[in-house]
C-alpha atoms as a PDB file:
ATOM      1  CA  MET A   1       0.000   0.000   0.000  1.00  0.00           C
ATOM      2  CA  ARG A   2       1.276   3.448  -0.948  1.00  0.00           C
ATOM      3  CA  LYS A   3       1.766   5.991   1.866  1.00  0.00           C
ATOM      4  CA  THR A   4       0.286   9.445   1.337  1.00  0.00           C
ATOM      5  CA  PRO A   5       1.099  12.686   3.120  1.00  0.00           C
ATOM      6  CA  SER A   6      -0.987  13.661   6.121  1.00  0.00           C
ATOM      7  CA  THR A   7      -4.460  14.948   5.263  1.00  0.00           C
ATOM      8  CA  ARG A   8      -5.617  16.335   8.605  1.00  0.00           C
ATOM      9  CA  PHE A   9      -6.475  19.811   7.376  1.00  0.00           C
ATOM     10  CA  GLY A  10      -9.487  20.231   5.123  1.00  0.00           C
ATOM     11  CA  GLY A  11      -9.594  22.508   2.120  1.00  0.00           C
ATOM     12  CA  ALA A  12     -12.465  24.424   0.590  1.00  0.00           C
ATOM     13  CA  GLY A  13     -15.753  22.556   0.573  1.00  0.00           C
ATOM     14  CA  GLY A  14     -14.501  19.932   3.012  1.00  0.00           C
ATOM     15  CA  ALA A  15     -12.005  18.429   0.528  1.00  0.00           C
ATOM     16  CA  ARG A  16      -8.908  17.018   2.150  1.00  0.00           C
ATOM     17  CA  LEU A  17      -5.666  18.538   0.910  1.00  0.00           C
ATOM     18  CA  PRO A  18      -2.324  16.817   1.457  1.00  0.00           C
ATOM     19  CA  ILE A  19       0.044  18.643   3.812  1.00  0.00           C
ATOM     20  CA  SER A  20       3.642  17.556   3.951  1.00  0.00           C
ATOM     21  CA  ARG A  21       5.994  18.087   6.838  1.00  0.00           C
ATOM     22  CA  ARG A  22       7.918  20.624   4.738  1.00  0.00           C
ATOM     23  CA  VAL A  23       4.783  22.723   4.109  1.00  0.00           C
ATOM     24  CA  PHE A  24       3.784  22.543   7.778  1.00  0.00           C
ATOM     25  CA  LEU A  25       7.243  23.655   8.977  1.00  0.00           C
ATOM     26  CA  GLY A  26       7.341  26.450   6.401  1.00  0.00           C
ATOM     27  CA  CYS A  27       3.958  27.768   7.522  1.00  0.00           C
ATOM     28  CA  SER A  28       5.002  27.510  11.170  1.00  0.00           C
ATOM     29  CA  ALA A  29       8.195  29.489  10.562  1.00  0.00           C
ATOM     30  CA  THR A  30       6.245  32.157   8.685  1.00  0.00           C
ATOM     31  CA  ALA A  31       3.710  32.437  11.500  1.00  0.00           C
ATOM     32  CA  CYS A  32       6.484  32.819  14.089  1.00  0.00           C
ATOM     33  CA  ALA A  33       8.207  35.511  12.029  1.00  0.00           C
ATOM     34  CA  ALA A  34       4.923  37.372  11.588  1.00  0.00           C
ATOM     35  CA  GLY A  35       4.238  37.185  15.325  1.00  0.00           C
ATOM     36  CA  ALA A  36       7.673  38.589  16.142  1.00  0.00           C
ATOM     37  CA  THR A  37       7.180  41.440  13.682  1.00  0.00           C
ATOM     38  CA  ILE A  38       3.717  42.291  14.977  1.00  0.00           C
ATOM     39  CA  GLY A  39       4.803  42.037  18.619  1.00  0.00           C
ATOM     40  CA  SER A  40       7.759  44.370  18.186  1.00  0.00           C
ATOM     41  CA  GLY A  41       5.698  47.174  16.697  1.00  0.00           C
ATOM     42  CA  THR A  42       2.727  47.228  19.057  1.00  0.00           C
ATOM     43  CA  LEU A  43       4.162  49.702  21.583  1.00  0.00           C
ATOM     44  CA  ALA A  44       4.075  53.373  20.769  1.00  0.00           C
ATOM     45  CA  PRO A  45       7.416  55.177  20.953  1.00  0.00           C
ATOM     46  CA  GLY A  46       8.200  56.266  24.502  1.00  0.00           C
ATOM     47  CA  VAL A  47       5.841  53.760  26.154  1.00  0.00           C
ATOM     48  CA  VAL A  48       7.617  51.592  28.701  1.00  0.00           C
ATOM     49  CA  PRO A  49       6.311  48.016  28.965  1.00  0.00           C
ATOM     50  CA  TYR A  50       5.567  47.788  32.667  1.00  0.00           C
ATOM     51  CA  TYR A  51       3.083  45.082  33.577  1.00  0.00           C
ATOM     52  CA  LYS A  52       1.586  47.148  36.402  1.00  0.00           C
ATOM     53  CA  ALA A  53       2.117  50.339  38.342  1.00  0.00           C
ATOM     54  CA  ILE A  54       1.431  49.539  41.990  1.00  0.00           C
ATOM     55  CA  PHE A  55       0.413  52.323  44.352  1.00  0.00           C
ATOM     56  CA  ASP A  56      -0.847  52.713  47.898  1.00  0.00           C
ATOM     57  CA  GLU A  57      -4.179  54.479  47.562  1.00  0.00           C
ATOM     58  CA  ARG A  58      -3.982  55.955  51.078  1.00  0.00           C
ATOM     59  CA  PHE A  59      -1.576  58.693  49.909  1.00  0.00           C
ATOM     60  CA  GLU A  60      -2.228  61.629  47.567  1.00  0.00           C
ATOM     61  CA  ALA A  61       1.215  61.413  45.925  1.00  0.00           C
ATOM     62  CA  THR A  62       0.669  57.767  44.998  1.00  0.00           C
ATOM     63  CA  ARG A  63      -2.736  58.559  43.507  1.00  0.00           C
ATOM     64  CA  GLN A  64      -1.071  61.214  41.306  1.00  0.00           C
ATOM     65  CA  PHE A  65       1.509  58.602  40.300  1.00  0.00           C
ATOM     66  CA  ALA A  66      -1.272  56.148  39.382  1.00  0.00           C
ATOM     67  CA  ALA A  67      -3.081  58.764  37.287  1.00  0.00           C
ATOM     68  CA  ALA A  68       0.116  59.538  35.403  1.00  0.00           C
ATOM     69  CA  ALA A  69       0.788  55.826  34.834  1.00  0.00           C
ATOM     70  CA  SER A  70      -2.746  55.330  33.512  1.00  0.00           C
ATOM     71  CA  ALA A  71      -2.267  58.276  31.157  1.00  0.00           C
ATOM     72  CA  ARG A  72       0.765  56.405  29.762  1.00  0.00           C
ATOM     73  CA  SER A  73      -1.313  53.232  29.251  1.00  0.00           C
ATOM     74  CA  ILE A  74       0.324  51.424  32.161  1.00  0.00           C
ATOM     75  CA  PRO A  75      -2.248  49.350  34.079  1.00  0.00           C
ATOM     76  CA  THR A  76      -2.434  50.204  37.782  1.00  0.00           C
ATOM     77  CA  ALA A  77      -3.090  48.188  40.927  1.00  0.00           C
ATOM     78  CA  ALA A  78      -4.133  49.829  44.182  1.00  0.00           C
ATOM     79  CA  ILE A  79      -3.175  48.463  47.580  1.00  0.00           C
ATOM     80  CA  ARG A  80      -3.751  49.689  51.103  1.00  0.00           C
ATOM     81  CA  GLY A  81      -0.437  48.631  52.622  1.00  0.00           C
ATOM     82  CA  ASP A  82      -1.088  44.898  52.267  1.00  0.00           C
ATOM     83  CA  VAL A  83       0.089  43.151  49.071  1.00  0.00           C
ATOM     84  CA  THR A  84      -1.425  39.729  49.861  1.00  0.00           C
ATOM     85  CA  SER A  85      -4.498  40.057  47.653  1.00  0.00           C
ATOM     86  CA  LEU A  86      -2.486  41.583  44.798  1.00  0.00           C
ATOM     87  CA  PHE A  87       0.029  38.758  45.012  1.00  0.00           C
ATOM     88  CA  PHE A  88      -2.421  35.851  45.092  1.00  0.00           C
ATOM     89  CA  ASN A  89      -4.991  37.255  42.641  1.00  0.00           C
ATOM     90  CA  ASP A  90      -2.667  38.827  40.083  1.00  0.00           C
ATOM     91  CA  LEU A  91       1.113  38.792  40.414  1.00  0.00           C
ATOM     92  CA  ASP A  92       1.595  35.133  41.343  1.00  0.00           C
ATOM     93  CA  LEU A  93      -0.558  34.023  38.413  1.00  0.00           C
ATOM     94  CA  ARG A  94       1.327  36.292  35.990  1.00  0.00           C
ATOM     95  CA  TRP A  95       4.763  35.426  37.404  1.00  0.00           C
ATOM     96  CA  ARG A  96       4.129  31.757  36.663  1.00  0.00           C
ATOM     97  CA  GLN A  97       4.246  32.719  32.983  1.00  0.00           C
ATOM     98  CA  GLY A  98       7.606  34.451  33.374  1.00  0.00           C
ATOM     99  CA  PRO A  99       9.295  37.521  34.832  1.00  0.00           C
ATOM    100  CA  ILE A 100       7.870  41.007  34.177  1.00  0.00           C
ATOM    101  CA  SER A 101       8.691  44.633  34.947  1.00  0.00           C
ATOM    102  CA  LEU A 102       6.790  46.332  37.767  1.00  0.00           C
ATOM    103  CA  ILE A 103       6.894  49.926  38.901  1.00  0.00           C
ATOM    104  CA  GLY A 104       5.508  51.298  42.123  1.00  0.00           C
ATOM    105  CA  LEU A 105       5.138  54.005  44.708  1.00  0.00           C
ATOM    106  CA  THR A 106       4.352  52.377  48.059  1.00  0.00           C
ATOM    107  CA  THR A 107       5.465  52.188  51.660  1.00  0.00           C
ATOM    108  CA  PRO A 108       8.802  50.506  52.453  1.00  0.00           C
ATOM    109  CA  GLU A 109       6.945  47.599  54.087  1.00  0.00           C
ATOM    110  CA  SER A 110       4.985  46.844  50.903  1.00  0.00           C
ATOM    111  CA  LEU A 111       8.156  47.041  48.828  1.00  0.00           C
ATOM    112  CA  PHE A 112       9.924  44.678  51.234  1.00  0.00           C
ATOM    113  CA  CYS A 113       7.263  42.004  50.683  1.00  0.00           C
ATOM    114  CA  LEU A 114       7.117  42.468  46.907  1.00  0.00           C
ATOM    115  CA  ASP A 115      10.914  42.392  46.639  1.00  0.00           C
ATOM    116  CA  LEU A 116      11.155  39.076  48.514  1.00  0.00           C
ATOM    117  CA  LEU A 117       8.350  37.535  46.452  1.00  0.00           C
ATOM    118  CA  ALA A 118       9.900  38.776  43.197  1.00  0.00           C
ATOM    119  CA  ARG A 119      13.306  37.269  44.005  1.00  0.00           C
ATOM    120  CA  ASP A 120      11.705  33.826  44.047  1.00  0.00           C
ATOM    121  CA  ARG A 121      10.559  34.468  40.440  1.00  0.00           C
ATOM    122  CA  ARG A 122      13.908  35.540  38.944  1.00  0.00           C
ATOM    123  CA  MET A 123      13.343  39.271  39.329  1.00  0.00           C
ATOM    124  CA  ARG A 124      15.228  41.938  41.214  1.00  0.00           C
ATOM    125  CA  LEU A 125      14.836  45.415  42.585  1.00  0.00           C
ATOM    126  CA  THR A 126      16.678  47.726  40.173  1.00  0.00           C
ATOM    127  CA  THR A 127      15.595  51.157  41.409  1.00  0.00           C
ATOM    128  CA  CYS A 128      14.604  52.304  44.862  1.00  0.00           C
ATOM    129  CA  VAL A 129      14.301  55.954  45.832  1.00  0.00           C
ATOM    130  CA  ALA A 130      13.209  56.928  49.337  1.00  0.00           C
ATOM    131  CA  ASP A 131      10.799  59.854  49.682  1.00  0.00           C
ATOM    132  CA  PRO A 132      10.940  60.964  46.046  1.00  0.00           C
ATOM    133  CA  GLY A 133       9.257  64.085  44.767  1.00  0.00           C
ATOM    134  CA  VAL A 134       6.197  63.465  42.600  1.00  0.00           C
ATOM    135  CA  GLU A 135       7.800  65.285  39.653  1.00  0.00           C
ATOM    136  CA  ALA A 136      10.877  63.040  39.810  1.00  0.00           C
ATOM    137  CA  VAL A 137       8.716  59.918  39.879  1.00  0.00           C
ATOM    138  CA  LEU A 138       6.663  61.085  36.914  1.00  0.00           C
ATOM    139  CA  SER A 139       9.806  61.795  34.888  1.00  0.00           C
ATOM    140  CA  LEU A 140      11.025  58.228  35.520  1.00  0.00           C
ATOM    141  CA  LEU A 141       7.845  56.734  34.051  1.00  0.00           C
ATOM    142  CA  ASP A 142       9.044  57.525  30.530  1.00  0.00           C
ATOM    143  CA  GLU A 143      12.561  56.124  30.894  1.00  0.00           C
ATOM    144  CA  ALA A 144      13.601  52.822  29.395  1.00  0.00           C
ATOM    145  CA  PRO A 145      13.575  50.170  32.129  1.00  0.00           C
ATOM    146  CA  ARG A 146      16.924  48.508  31.351  1.00  0.00           C
ATOM    147  CA  HIS A 147      20.399  49.261  32.701  1.00  0.00           C
ATOM    148  CA  ARG A 148      19.254  51.308  35.665  1.00  0.00           C
ATOM    149  CA  ILE A 149      21.422  51.572  38.747  1.00  0.00           C
ATOM    150  CA  LEU A 150      20.037  50.922  42.218  1.00  0.00           C
ATOM    151  CA  GLU A 151      19.903  54.500  43.442  1.00  0.00           C
ATOM    152  CA  ALA A 152      19.113  54.000  47.108  1.00  0.00           C
ATOM    153  CA  HIS A 153      17.995  51.175  49.308  1.00  0.00           C
ATOM    154  CA  ALA A 154      17.532  52.905  52.618  1.00  0.00           C
ATOM    155  CA  PRO A 155      13.847  53.745  52.935  1.00  0.00           C
ATOM    156  CA  SER A 156      12.800  56.335  55.458  1.00  0.00           C
ATOM    157  CA  ILE A 157      12.215  55.289  59.064  1.00  0.00           C
ATOM    158  CA  GLU A 158       8.963  57.256  58.921  1.00  0.00           C
ATOM    159  CA  PRO A 159       6.070  54.802  58.557  1.00  0.00           C
ATOM    160  CA  SER A 160       4.345  57.238  56.202  1.00  0.00           C
ATOM    161  CA  GLY A 161       7.460  57.592  54.019  1.00  0.00           C
ATOM    162  CA  LEU A 162       7.071  56.410  50.433  1.00  0.00           C
ATOM    163  CA  VAL A 163       9.486  54.647  48.134  1.00  0.00           C
ATOM    164  CA  PHE A 164       9.515  54.687  44.365  1.00  0.00           C
ATOM    165  CA  TRP A 165      10.768  51.387  43.011  1.00  0.00           C
ATOM    166  CA  ILE A 166      11.174  49.281  39.884  1.00  0.00           C
ATOM    167  CA  ILE A 167      11.362  45.494  39.901  1.00  0.00           C
ATOM    168  CA  GLU A 168      12.608  43.883  36.684  1.00  0.00           C
ATOM    169  CA  PRO A 169      13.651  40.472  35.389  1.00  0.00           C
ATOM    170  CA  ALA A 170      17.134  39.545  36.574  1.00  0.00           C
ATOM    171  CA  VAL A 171      19.759  39.768  33.844  1.00  0.00           C
ATOM    172  CA  ARG A 172      21.742  36.611  33.269  1.00  0.00           C
ATOM    173  CA  ASP A 173      25.436  36.796  32.541  1.00  0.00           C
ATOM    174  CA  GLY A 174      25.654  34.724  29.352  1.00  0.00           C
ATOM    175  CA  ALA A 175      29.174  33.418  29.952  1.00  0.00           C
ATOM    176  CA  ALA A 176      28.827  32.305  33.536  1.00  0.00           C
ATOM    177  CA  GLY A 177      25.066  31.792  33.749  1.00  0.00           C
ATOM    178  CA  VAL A 178      24.984  33.846  36.938  1.00  0.00           C
ATOM    179  CA  VAL A 179      22.054  36.061  37.828  1.00  0.00           C
ATOM    180  CA  ASN A 180      23.052  39.666  38.469  1.00  0.00           C
ATOM    181  CA  GLY A 181      21.519  41.516  41.351  1.00  0.00           C
END
């Protein structure tokens, strides 16, 4: 008996058309290339791909930060000091898919929890500024998220003090396979 190519995919009118492995692989490669091209052009110039901007809604400065993030098409997530609900209902589910960039203006206690949780998911704190001015925070929203130096990691002792922070995927050193940060 003569073997014929696979005929899983139907053509027009329900007719079965032969599909060879070569045709299937060619179509797959084309689809991947198209996806990469479409994905690279979806962000407008100047828009930073943060997954979420996290803010503590108890403070006026953080609400201004959230409004500015929303104006830049960055989704926001409000907390009231406690990150438990945000972690279990959003971040943990998203982090299972892979590391992401987060930006926030919260209390030092909230940042402490998020930083520890992020480390378990191959992410690191790349920027931390204690008691920043709102204007400075807003100017940082438009910066590219890569290659930023950890500016400060000594949050205020004041319980009402705020910290601006960015958590990003850890960068791997290609030669040694070591995670920086």
